[in-house]
N, C-alpha and C. Protein backbone atom coordinates (compact mmCIF):
# COMPACT_ATOMS: atom_id res chain seq x y z
N MET A 1 -26.58 -38.84 -1.24
CA MET A 1 -27.00 -37.40 -1.55
C MET A 1 -27.48 -37.36 -2.86
N THR A 2 -28.53 -36.50 -3.12
CA THR A 2 -28.96 -36.63 -4.72
C THR A 2 -28.61 -35.22 -5.47
N ASP A 3 -29.02 -35.51 -6.91
CA ASP A 3 -28.28 -34.90 -7.87
C ASP A 3 -28.58 -33.45 -7.49
N GLU A 4 -29.47 -32.97 -7.13
CA GLU A 4 -29.89 -31.60 -6.68
C GLU A 4 -29.18 -31.17 -5.69
N GLU A 5 -29.24 -31.91 -4.36
CA GLU A 5 -27.77 -31.54 -3.69
C GLU A 5 -26.42 -31.36 -3.74
N ILE A 6 -25.99 -31.96 -4.54
CA ILE A 6 -24.72 -31.88 -5.24
C ILE A 6 -24.65 -30.61 -6.14
N ALA A 7 -25.51 -30.48 -7.08
CA ALA A 7 -25.72 -29.21 -7.51
C ALA A 7 -25.52 -28.09 -6.90
N VAL A 8 -26.33 -28.12 -5.68
CA VAL A 8 -26.54 -26.66 -4.69
C VAL A 8 -25.33 -26.54 -4.24
N ALA A 9 -24.36 -27.68 -4.02
CA ALA A 9 -23.46 -27.69 -3.28
C ALA A 9 -22.20 -26.93 -3.56
N GLU A 10 -22.08 -27.40 -5.31
CA GLU A 10 -21.25 -26.90 -6.08
C GLU A 10 -21.51 -25.63 -6.47
N GLU A 11 -22.85 -24.89 -6.25
CA GLU A 11 -22.95 -23.69 -6.56
C GLU A 11 -22.76 -22.90 -5.67
N LYS A 12 -23.16 -23.63 -4.27
CA LYS A 12 -22.47 -22.67 -3.27
C LYS A 12 -20.91 -22.47 -3.17
N PHE A 13 -20.40 -23.88 -3.52
CA PHE A 13 -18.66 -23.91 -3.97
C PHE A 13 -18.21 -23.16 -4.47
N GLU A 14 -18.78 -22.77 -5.96
CA GLU A 14 -18.62 -21.74 -6.68
C GLU A 14 -18.53 -20.52 -6.33
N GLU A 15 -19.73 -20.16 -5.45
CA GLU A 15 -19.75 -18.61 -5.17
C GLU A 15 -18.92 -18.20 -3.97
N SER A 16 -18.45 -19.16 -3.01
CA SER A 16 -17.47 -19.21 -2.07
C SER A 16 -16.30 -18.75 -2.32
N LYS A 17 -16.01 -19.46 -3.99
CA LYS A 17 -14.69 -19.64 -4.58
C LYS A 17 -14.85 -18.00 -5.25
N THR A 18 -15.59 -17.73 -5.94
CA THR A 18 -15.58 -16.56 -6.32
C THR A 18 -15.27 -15.11 -5.36
N LEU A 19 -16.11 -15.24 -4.23
CA LEU A 19 -16.14 -14.38 -2.86
C LEU A 19 -14.22 -14.32 -2.40
N ALA A 20 -14.04 -15.36 -2.29
CA ALA A 20 -12.60 -15.59 -1.40
C ALA A 20 -11.36 -14.73 -2.74
N GLU A 21 -11.62 -15.34 -4.18
CA GLU A 21 -10.51 -14.92 -4.95
C GLU A 21 -10.74 -13.13 -4.95
N THR A 22 -12.09 -12.54 -4.87
CA THR A 22 -12.41 -11.60 -5.07
C THR A 22 -11.96 -10.43 -3.76
N ALA A 23 -11.91 -11.02 -2.55
CA ALA A 23 -11.17 -10.40 -1.60
C ALA A 23 -9.84 -10.75 -1.31
N MET A 24 -9.07 -11.87 -2.18
CA MET A 24 -7.83 -11.83 -2.46
C MET A 24 -7.34 -10.87 -3.04
N TYR A 25 -7.85 -10.35 -4.47
CA TYR A 25 -7.42 -9.53 -5.20
C TYR A 25 -7.71 -8.25 -4.65
N ASN A 26 -8.59 -7.96 -3.85
CA ASN A 26 -8.90 -6.83 -3.10
C ASN A 26 -7.62 -6.53 -2.18
N LEU A 27 -7.19 -7.48 -1.28
CA LEU A 27 -6.47 -7.53 -0.20
C LEU A 27 -4.89 -7.01 -1.19
N LEU A 28 -4.99 -7.64 -2.05
CA LEU A 28 -3.33 -7.27 -2.75
C LEU A 28 -3.73 -6.36 -3.45
N SER A 29 -4.70 -5.56 -3.98
CA SER A 29 -4.88 -4.52 -4.40
C SER A 29 -4.59 -3.35 -3.37
N ASN A 30 -4.81 -3.44 -2.24
CA ASN A 30 -4.97 -2.33 -1.14
C ASN A 30 -3.48 -2.20 -0.64
N ASP A 31 -3.05 -3.40 -0.57
CA ASP A 31 -1.51 -3.73 -0.20
C ASP A 31 -0.51 -2.87 -1.37
N VAL A 32 -0.75 -2.91 -2.64
CA VAL A 32 0.00 -2.25 -3.93
C VAL A 32 -0.60 -0.27 -3.46
N GLU A 33 -1.84 -0.59 -3.26
CA GLU A 33 -2.09 1.18 -2.77
C GLU A 33 -1.13 1.28 -1.66
N GLN A 34 -1.52 0.68 -1.01
CA GLN A 34 -0.67 1.18 0.49
C GLN A 34 0.76 1.43 0.52
N ILE A 35 1.32 0.47 -0.22
CA ILE A 35 3.13 0.48 -0.22
C ILE A 35 3.05 1.49 -1.20
N SER A 36 2.14 1.98 -2.21
CA SER A 36 2.64 3.46 -2.73
C SER A 36 2.84 4.32 -1.89
N GLN A 37 1.26 3.99 -0.82
CA GLN A 37 1.16 5.96 -0.17
C GLN A 37 2.48 6.04 0.55
N VAL A 38 3.12 4.76 1.21
CA VAL A 38 4.02 4.66 1.88
C VAL A 38 5.43 5.22 1.55
N LYS A 39 5.64 4.69 0.52
CA LYS A 39 6.76 5.05 -0.96
C LYS A 39 6.59 6.88 -0.76
N ALA A 40 5.52 7.38 -0.92
CA ALA A 40 5.53 8.42 -1.35
C ALA A 40 5.71 9.36 -0.16
N PHE A 41 5.11 8.80 1.03
CA PHE A 41 5.62 9.62 2.46
C PHE A 41 7.14 9.70 2.85
N VAL A 42 7.69 8.34 2.25
CA VAL A 42 9.06 8.21 3.12
C VAL A 42 10.16 9.18 2.02
N GLU A 43 9.80 9.35 0.48
CA GLU A 43 9.89 9.99 -0.32
C GLU A 43 9.89 11.78 -0.22
N ALA A 44 8.82 12.13 0.20
CA ALA A 44 8.64 13.41 1.14
C ALA A 44 9.39 13.84 2.26
N CYS A 45 9.31 12.81 3.08
CA CYS A 45 9.78 13.14 4.39
C CYS A 45 11.83 13.33 4.02
N LEU A 46 12.18 12.42 3.00
CA LEU A 46 13.54 12.41 2.92
C LEU A 46 13.70 13.92 1.93
N LYS A 47 12.78 13.93 1.15
CA LYS A 47 13.04 15.48 0.46
C LYS A 47 12.85 17.02 1.64
N PHE A 48 12.39 16.62 2.35
CA PHE A 48 12.33 17.84 3.23
C PHE A 48 12.91 17.68 3.88
N HIS A 49 13.85 16.41 4.75
CA HIS A 49 15.23 16.66 5.31
C HIS A 49 16.51 16.75 4.46
N GLU A 50 16.27 16.41 3.30
CA GLU A 50 17.52 16.93 2.11
C GLU A 50 17.45 18.86 2.18
N GLN A 51 15.94 19.05 2.44
CA GLN A 51 16.07 20.73 2.35
C GLN A 51 16.57 21.33 3.63
N SER A 52 15.92 20.64 4.52
CA SER A 52 16.45 21.15 6.14
C SER A 52 18.02 21.12 5.96
N THR A 53 18.66 20.03 5.85
CA THR A 53 20.05 20.24 5.83
C THR A 53 20.73 20.96 4.64
N GLU A 54 20.11 21.25 3.52
CA GLU A 54 20.89 22.30 3.07
C GLU A 54 20.56 23.74 3.33
N ILE A 55 19.27 23.96 4.17
CA ILE A 55 19.50 25.35 4.72
C ILE A 55 20.27 25.53 6.20
N LEU A 56 20.66 24.40 6.94
CA LEU A 56 21.09 24.38 7.87
C LEU A 56 22.34 24.79 7.75
N GLN A 57 22.82 24.00 6.31
CA GLN A 57 24.55 24.42 6.10
C GLN A 57 24.49 25.54 5.60
N GLN A 58 23.48 25.93 4.81
CA GLN A 58 24.10 27.47 4.69
C GLN A 58 23.65 28.41 5.75
N LEU A 59 23.26 28.08 6.60
CA LEU A 59 23.21 29.13 7.70
C LEU A 59 23.87 29.13 8.63
N SER A 60 24.70 27.85 8.35
CA SER A 60 26.16 27.60 9.10
C SER A 60 27.32 28.08 8.58
N ARG A 61 27.39 28.36 7.26
CA ARG A 61 28.09 28.69 6.60
C ARG A 61 28.29 30.23 6.74
N ASP A 62 26.92 31.26 6.65
CA ASP A 62 26.58 32.50 7.02
C ASP A 62 27.01 33.00 8.22
N LEU A 63 26.91 31.95 9.42
CA LEU A 63 27.47 32.37 10.77
C LEU A 63 29.13 32.17 10.56
N ASP A 64 29.14 31.30 9.88
CA ASP A 64 30.87 31.39 10.13
C ASP A 64 31.62 33.04 9.28
N ASP A 65 30.87 33.43 8.30
CA ASP A 65 31.37 34.39 7.68
C ASP A 65 31.04 35.75 8.85
N LYS A 66 30.66 35.56 9.78
CA LYS A 66 30.31 36.96 10.41
C LYS A 66 31.11 36.78 11.51
């Protein structure tokens, strides 16, 4: 293998390494964003059901009073 071939191979390796690092970073960043979105969705669902429970409890009390 010539010095030129080694230099080309090293350059290709560095380029591949950079692409792989970028892809891994993007994957981890996307996971964080997806987890954040799922967390916000779960919190919104929880709030909805808490409010639904309060409304139903009040309705039940109102019906008991009649």
